[in-house]
Amino acid sequence: MTDSGKSPRKLTEVMARDTTLSLLLRTARELKVLQALLDARMGTGFAANCKVAALRADGTLVLVARSPVWASRLRYLGNELVEWAKQVPELASVSSVHVQVGKDPV
């Protein structure tokens, strides 16, 4: 029992009632899948230096790079990534790649 005298609720119960939490969890799972696909395609250097931040409704894949050097590399590969993404069902909606530099995307 909790301090309020009520039994703790299961996560599934909370999520069933909280659509914001459900959406957040679904988005996190989708980003994890996209990250795994890109890690497999790009290799270990990519995984260590770049993270998927979002896949926007307009088809923009947003990547966060650890440094300007990695950001430049990813921008250079942008068109190649879009063409590859069109072949992958989970990424088929990707129409462009936006890269930004973050302090530590890992």
N, C-alpha and C. Protein backbone atom coordinates (compact mmCIF):
# COMPACT_ATOMS: atom_id res chain seq x y z
N MET A 1 0.83 -1.18 0.00
CA MET A 1 0.00 0.00 0.00
C MET A 1 0.88 1.25 0.00
N THR A 2 0.37 2.29 -0.60
CA THR A 2 1.09 3.55 -0.62
C THR A 2 0.71 4.37 0.60
N ASP A 3 1.37 5.50 0.76
CA ASP A 3 1.09 6.37 1.91
C ASP A 3 -0.35 6.85 1.92
N SER A 4 -0.97 6.95 0.77
CA SER A 4 -2.34 7.45 0.70
C SER A 4 -3.36 6.37 1.04
N GLY A 5 -2.89 5.14 1.28
CA GLY A 5 -3.81 4.07 1.63
C GLY A 5 -4.33 3.32 0.42
N LYS A 6 -3.98 3.74 -0.77
CA LYS A 6 -4.43 3.07 -1.99
C LYS A 6 -3.35 2.11 -2.46
N SER A 7 -3.77 1.05 -3.12
CA SER A 7 -2.83 0.10 -3.70
C SER A 7 -2.13 0.75 -4.90
N PRO A 8 -0.86 0.44 -5.10
CA PRO A 8 -0.17 0.99 -6.28
C PRO A 8 -0.80 0.43 -7.55
N ARG A 9 -0.87 1.28 -8.57
CA ARG A 9 -1.45 0.84 -9.83
C ARG A 9 -0.36 0.26 -10.71
N LYS A 10 -0.74 -0.66 -11.55
CA LYS A 10 0.18 -1.23 -12.53
C LYS A 10 0.43 -0.21 -13.62
N LEU A 11 1.62 -0.30 -14.22
CA LEU A 11 1.98 0.62 -15.28
C LEU A 11 0.98 0.56 -16.44
N THR A 12 0.51 -0.62 -16.76
CA THR A 12 -0.45 -0.76 -17.87
C THR A 12 -1.75 -0.01 -17.56
N GLU A 13 -2.15 0.01 -16.31
CA GLU A 13 -3.36 0.74 -15.92
C GLU A 13 -3.15 2.25 -16.07
N VAL A 14 -1.99 2.71 -15.63
CA VAL A 14 -1.67 4.13 -15.73
C VAL A 14 -1.63 4.54 -17.19
N MET A 15 -0.96 3.73 -18.01
CA MET A 15 -0.84 4.06 -19.43
C MET A 15 -2.19 4.03 -20.14
N ALA A 16 -3.06 3.14 -19.73
CA ALA A 16 -4.37 3.06 -20.35
C ALA A 16 -5.16 4.35 -20.12
N ARG A 17 -4.89 5.01 -19.02
CA ARG A 17 -5.62 6.23 -18.67
C ARG A 17 -4.91 7.50 -19.12
N ASP A 18 -3.60 7.41 -19.32
CA ASP A 18 -2.80 8.59 -19.63
C ASP A 18 -2.30 8.51 -21.07
N THR A 19 -3.00 9.17 -21.99
CA THR A 19 -2.64 9.08 -23.40
C THR A 19 -1.30 9.75 -23.69
N THR A 20 -0.95 10.78 -22.91
CA THR A 20 0.34 11.43 -23.11
C THR A 20 1.48 10.48 -22.80
N LEU A 21 1.37 9.77 -21.71
CA LEU A 21 2.38 8.79 -21.33
C LEU A 21 2.46 7.66 -22.36
N SER A 22 1.33 7.21 -22.83
CA SER A 22 1.31 6.16 -23.85
C SER A 22 1.99 6.62 -25.13
N LEU A 23 1.71 7.85 -25.55
CA LEU A 23 2.33 8.40 -26.75
C LEU A 23 3.84 8.53 -26.56
N LEU A 24 4.26 8.99 -25.41
CA LEU A 24 5.68 9.13 -25.12
C LEU A 24 6.40 7.79 -25.17
N LEU A 25 5.81 6.78 -24.58
CA LEU A 25 6.41 5.45 -24.59
C LEU A 25 6.46 4.87 -26.00
N ARG A 26 5.40 5.04 -26.78
CA ARG A 26 5.38 4.56 -28.15
C ARG A 26 6.45 5.26 -28.99
N THR A 27 6.59 6.57 -28.82
CA THR A 27 7.61 7.32 -29.54
C THR A 27 9.00 6.85 -29.17
N ALA A 28 9.24 6.63 -27.89
CA ALA A 28 10.55 6.13 -27.45
C ALA A 28 10.87 4.78 -28.07
N ARG A 29 9.88 3.91 -28.13
CA ARG A 29 10.09 2.59 -28.74
C ARG A 29 10.39 2.72 -30.23
N GLU A 30 9.67 3.60 -30.91
CA GLU A 30 9.90 3.81 -32.34
C GLU A 30 11.31 4.36 -32.59
N LEU A 31 11.74 5.31 -31.77
CA LEU A 31 13.08 5.87 -31.92
C LEU A 31 14.15 4.81 -31.67
N LYS A 32 13.89 3.92 -30.74
CA LYS A 32 14.84 2.84 -30.45
C LYS A 32 14.99 1.92 -31.67
N VAL A 33 13.89 1.62 -32.33
CA VAL A 33 13.93 0.79 -33.54
C VAL A 33 14.69 1.51 -34.65
N LEU A 34 14.39 2.80 -34.85
CA LEU A 34 15.07 3.57 -35.88
C LEU A 34 16.58 3.65 -35.60
N GLN A 35 16.93 3.84 -34.32
CA GLN A 35 18.34 3.90 -33.95
C GLN A 35 19.03 2.58 -34.28
N ALA A 36 18.39 1.47 -33.96
CA ALA A 36 18.98 0.15 -34.23
C ALA A 36 19.18 -0.06 -35.73
N LEU A 37 18.22 0.36 -36.53
CA LEU A 37 18.35 0.23 -37.98
C LEU A 37 19.51 1.07 -38.52
N LEU A 38 19.62 2.30 -38.06
CA LEU A 38 20.71 3.15 -38.51
C LEU A 38 22.06 2.68 -37.98
N ASP A 39 22.10 2.21 -36.75
CA ASP A 39 23.35 1.66 -36.21
C ASP A 39 23.84 0.50 -37.07
N ALA A 40 22.92 -0.38 -37.44
CA ALA A 40 23.28 -1.54 -38.27
C ALA A 40 23.79 -1.09 -39.65
N ARG A 41 23.17 -0.08 -40.20
CA ARG A 41 23.55 0.41 -41.53
C ARG A 41 24.87 1.19 -41.50
N MET A 42 25.05 2.02 -40.47
CA MET A 42 26.17 2.94 -40.44
C MET A 42 27.39 2.42 -39.68
N GLY A 43 27.22 1.46 -38.79
CA GLY A 43 28.35 0.91 -38.06
C GLY A 43 28.53 1.50 -36.67
N THR A 44 29.55 1.00 -36.00
CA THR A 44 29.76 1.36 -34.60
C THR A 44 30.13 2.82 -34.40
N GLY A 45 30.84 3.42 -35.32
CA GLY A 45 31.18 4.84 -35.19
C GLY A 45 29.94 5.69 -35.14
N PHE A 46 28.98 5.36 -35.96
CA PHE A 46 27.71 6.08 -35.96
C PHE A 46 27.02 5.95 -34.61
N ALA A 47 26.93 4.73 -34.13
CA ALA A 47 26.23 4.49 -32.87
C ALA A 47 26.85 5.27 -31.72
N ALA A 48 28.16 5.42 -31.75
CA ALA A 48 28.85 6.12 -30.67
C ALA A 48 28.78 7.64 -30.80
N ASN A 49 28.47 8.14 -31.99
CA ASN A 49 28.57 9.57 -32.23
C ASN A 49 27.31 10.25 -32.73
N CYS A 50 26.25 9.50 -32.92
CA CYS A 50 25.03 10.09 -33.46
C CYS A 50 23.81 9.35 -32.93
N LYS A 51 22.77 10.11 -32.65
CA LYS A 51 21.52 9.52 -32.17
C LYS A 51 20.35 10.05 -32.98
N VAL A 52 19.34 9.22 -33.13
CA VAL A 52 18.10 9.63 -33.78
C VAL A 52 17.30 10.44 -32.76
N ALA A 53 16.94 11.65 -33.14
CA ALA A 53 16.18 12.51 -32.24
C ALA A 53 14.68 12.46 -32.55
N ALA A 54 14.34 12.33 -33.84
CA ALA A 54 12.93 12.34 -34.21
C ALA A 54 12.76 11.92 -35.66
N LEU A 55 11.57 11.47 -35.95
CA LEU A 55 11.13 11.31 -37.33
C LEU A 55 9.85 12.13 -37.42
N ARG A 56 9.98 13.31 -38.02
CA ARG A 56 8.86 14.25 -38.07
C ARG A 56 7.78 13.78 -39.04
N ALA A 57 6.59 14.31 -38.85
CA ALA A 57 5.45 13.96 -39.69
C ALA A 57 5.70 14.32 -41.15
N ASP A 58 6.54 15.33 -41.41
CA ASP A 58 6.83 15.73 -42.79
C ASP A 58 7.88 14.85 -43.45
N GLY A 59 8.36 13.82 -42.73
CA GLY A 59 9.34 12.90 -43.30
C GLY A 59 10.78 13.25 -43.02
N THR A 60 11.02 14.25 -42.20
CA THR A 60 12.38 14.65 -41.85
C THR A 60 12.91 13.79 -40.72
N LEU A 61 14.03 13.14 -40.97
CA LEU A 61 14.72 12.36 -39.95
C LEU A 61 15.71 13.30 -39.29
N VAL A 62 15.55 13.50 -37.98
CA VAL A 62 16.41 14.42 -37.24
C VAL A 62 17.46 13.61 -36.50
N LEU A 63 18.72 13.92 -36.77
CA LEU A 63 19.84 13.25 -36.12
C LEU A 63 20.63 14.27 -35.30
N VAL A 64 21.12 13.83 -34.14
CA VAL A 64 21.97 14.67 -33.31
C VAL A 64 23.36 14.06 -33.30
N ALA A 65 24.34 14.86 -33.75
CA ALA A 65 25.72 14.39 -33.81
C ALA A 65 26.52 14.93 -32.63
N ARG A 66 27.49 14.16 -32.21
CA ARG A 66 28.32 14.53 -31.06
C ARG A 66 29.21 15.74 -31.34
N SER A 67 29.63 15.92 -32.60
CA SER A 67 30.57 16.99 -32.93
C SER A 67 30.26 17.56 -34.31
N PRO A 68 30.80 18.74 -34.61
CA PRO A 68 30.62 19.30 -35.95
C PRO A 68 31.19 18.40 -37.04
N VAL A 69 32.25 17.67 -36.73
CA VAL A 69 32.84 16.76 -37.71
C VAL A 69 31.84 15.66 -38.08
N TRP A 70 31.21 15.06 -37.08
CA TRP A 70 30.21 14.03 -37.35
C TRP A 70 28.98 14.62 -38.04
N ALA A 71 28.60 15.82 -37.66
CA ALA A 71 27.46 16.46 -38.31
C ALA A 71 27.74 16.66 -39.80
N SER A 72 28.93 17.13 -40.13
CA SER A 72 29.30 17.32 -41.54
C SER A 72 29.27 16.01 -42.30
N ARG A 73 29.80 14.99 -41.69
CA ARG A 73 29.82 13.67 -42.32
C ARG A 73 28.40 13.18 -42.62
N LEU A 74 27.52 13.36 -41.65
CA LEU A 74 26.13 12.92 -41.83
C LEU A 74 25.40 13.77 -42.86
N ARG A 75 25.65 15.05 -42.87
CA ARG A 75 25.03 15.92 -43.88
C ARG A 75 25.47 15.50 -45.28
N TYR A 76 26.74 15.18 -45.41
CA TYR A 76 27.28 14.73 -46.69
C TYR A 76 26.59 13.44 -47.15
N LEU A 77 26.26 12.56 -46.21
CA LEU A 77 25.61 11.28 -46.52
C LEU A 77 24.08 11.38 -46.56
N GLY A 78 23.54 12.56 -46.36
CA GLY A 78 22.10 12.74 -46.25
C GLY A 78 21.29 12.12 -47.39
N ASN A 79 21.65 12.43 -48.63
CA ASN A 79 20.90 11.88 -49.77
C ASN A 79 21.01 10.36 -49.84
N GLU A 80 22.19 9.85 -49.55
CA GLU A 80 22.38 8.40 -49.54
C GLU A 80 21.51 7.75 -48.45
N LEU A 81 21.43 8.40 -47.29
CA LEU A 81 20.59 7.88 -46.21
C LEU A 81 19.11 7.87 -46.61
N VAL A 82 18.66 8.92 -47.28
CA VAL A 82 17.26 8.98 -47.72
C VAL A 82 16.97 7.86 -48.71
N GLU A 83 17.85 7.64 -49.65
CA GLU A 83 17.66 6.57 -50.64
C GLU A 83 17.64 5.20 -49.97
N TRP A 84 18.54 4.99 -49.02
CA TRP A 84 18.54 3.73 -48.26
C TRP A 84 17.26 3.58 -47.46
N ALA A 85 16.82 4.65 -46.81
CA ALA A 85 15.62 4.60 -45.97
C ALA A 85 14.39 4.19 -46.76
N LYS A 86 14.31 4.59 -48.00
CA LYS A 86 13.16 4.24 -48.83
C LYS A 86 13.02 2.73 -49.01
N GLN A 87 14.12 2.00 -48.80
CA GLN A 87 14.11 0.54 -48.95
C GLN A 87 13.73 -0.19 -47.65
N VAL A 88 13.66 0.56 -46.55
CA VAL A 88 13.40 -0.02 -45.23
C VAL A 88 11.98 0.35 -44.79
N PRO A 89 11.11 -0.65 -44.59
CA PRO A 89 9.71 -0.34 -44.26
C PRO A 89 9.54 0.66 -43.10
N GLU A 90 10.30 0.52 -42.04
CA GLU A 90 10.16 1.40 -40.88
C GLU A 90 10.61 2.83 -41.17
N LEU A 91 11.39 3.01 -42.24
CA LEU A 91 11.93 4.32 -42.58
C LEU A 91 11.41 4.85 -43.91
N ALA A 92 10.47 4.16 -44.50
CA ALA A 92 10.01 4.50 -45.85
C ALA A 92 9.47 5.92 -45.97
N SER A 93 9.02 6.51 -44.87
CA SER A 93 8.47 7.87 -44.93
C SER A 93 9.55 8.95 -44.91
N VAL A 94 10.82 8.58 -44.73
CA VAL A 94 11.90 9.56 -44.67
C VAL A 94 12.09 10.22 -46.03
N SER A 95 12.02 11.55 -46.05
CA SER A 95 12.22 12.29 -47.30
C SER A 95 13.41 13.24 -47.22
N SER A 96 13.89 13.50 -46.00
CA SER A 96 15.06 14.36 -45.83
C SER A 96 15.71 14.06 -44.49
N VAL A 97 16.95 14.51 -44.35
CA VAL A 97 17.69 14.32 -43.11
C VAL A 97 18.13 15.68 -42.61
N HIS A 98 17.87 15.95 -41.35
CA HIS A 98 18.33 17.18 -40.70
C HIS A 98 19.30 16.77 -39.60
N VAL A 99 20.47 17.38 -39.60
CA VAL A 99 21.50 17.04 -38.61
C VAL A 99 21.79 18.26 -37.77
N GLN A 100 21.86 18.06 -36.47
CA GLN A 100 22.24 19.13 -35.57
C GLN A 100 23.31 18.59 -34.62
N VAL A 101 24.08 19.52 -34.07
CA VAL A 101 25.14 19.13 -33.14
C VAL A 101 24.61 19.27 -31.73
N GLY A 102 24.85 18.24 -30.94
CA GLY A 102 24.46 18.26 -29.54
C GLY A 102 25.67 18.00 -28.68
N LYS A 103 25.58 18.34 -27.43
CA LYS A 103 26.75 18.18 -26.53
C LYS A 103 27.16 16.73 -26.41
N ASP A 104 26.21 15.85 -26.17
CA ASP A 104 26.55 14.43 -26.01
C ASP A 104 25.29 13.62 -26.31
N PRO A 105 25.08 13.23 -27.56
CA PRO A 105 23.86 12.51 -27.90
C PRO A 105 23.82 11.08 -27.38
N VAL A 106 24.93 10.59 -26.86
CA VAL A 106 24.99 9.20 -26.43
C VAL A 106 24.44 9.05 -25.03
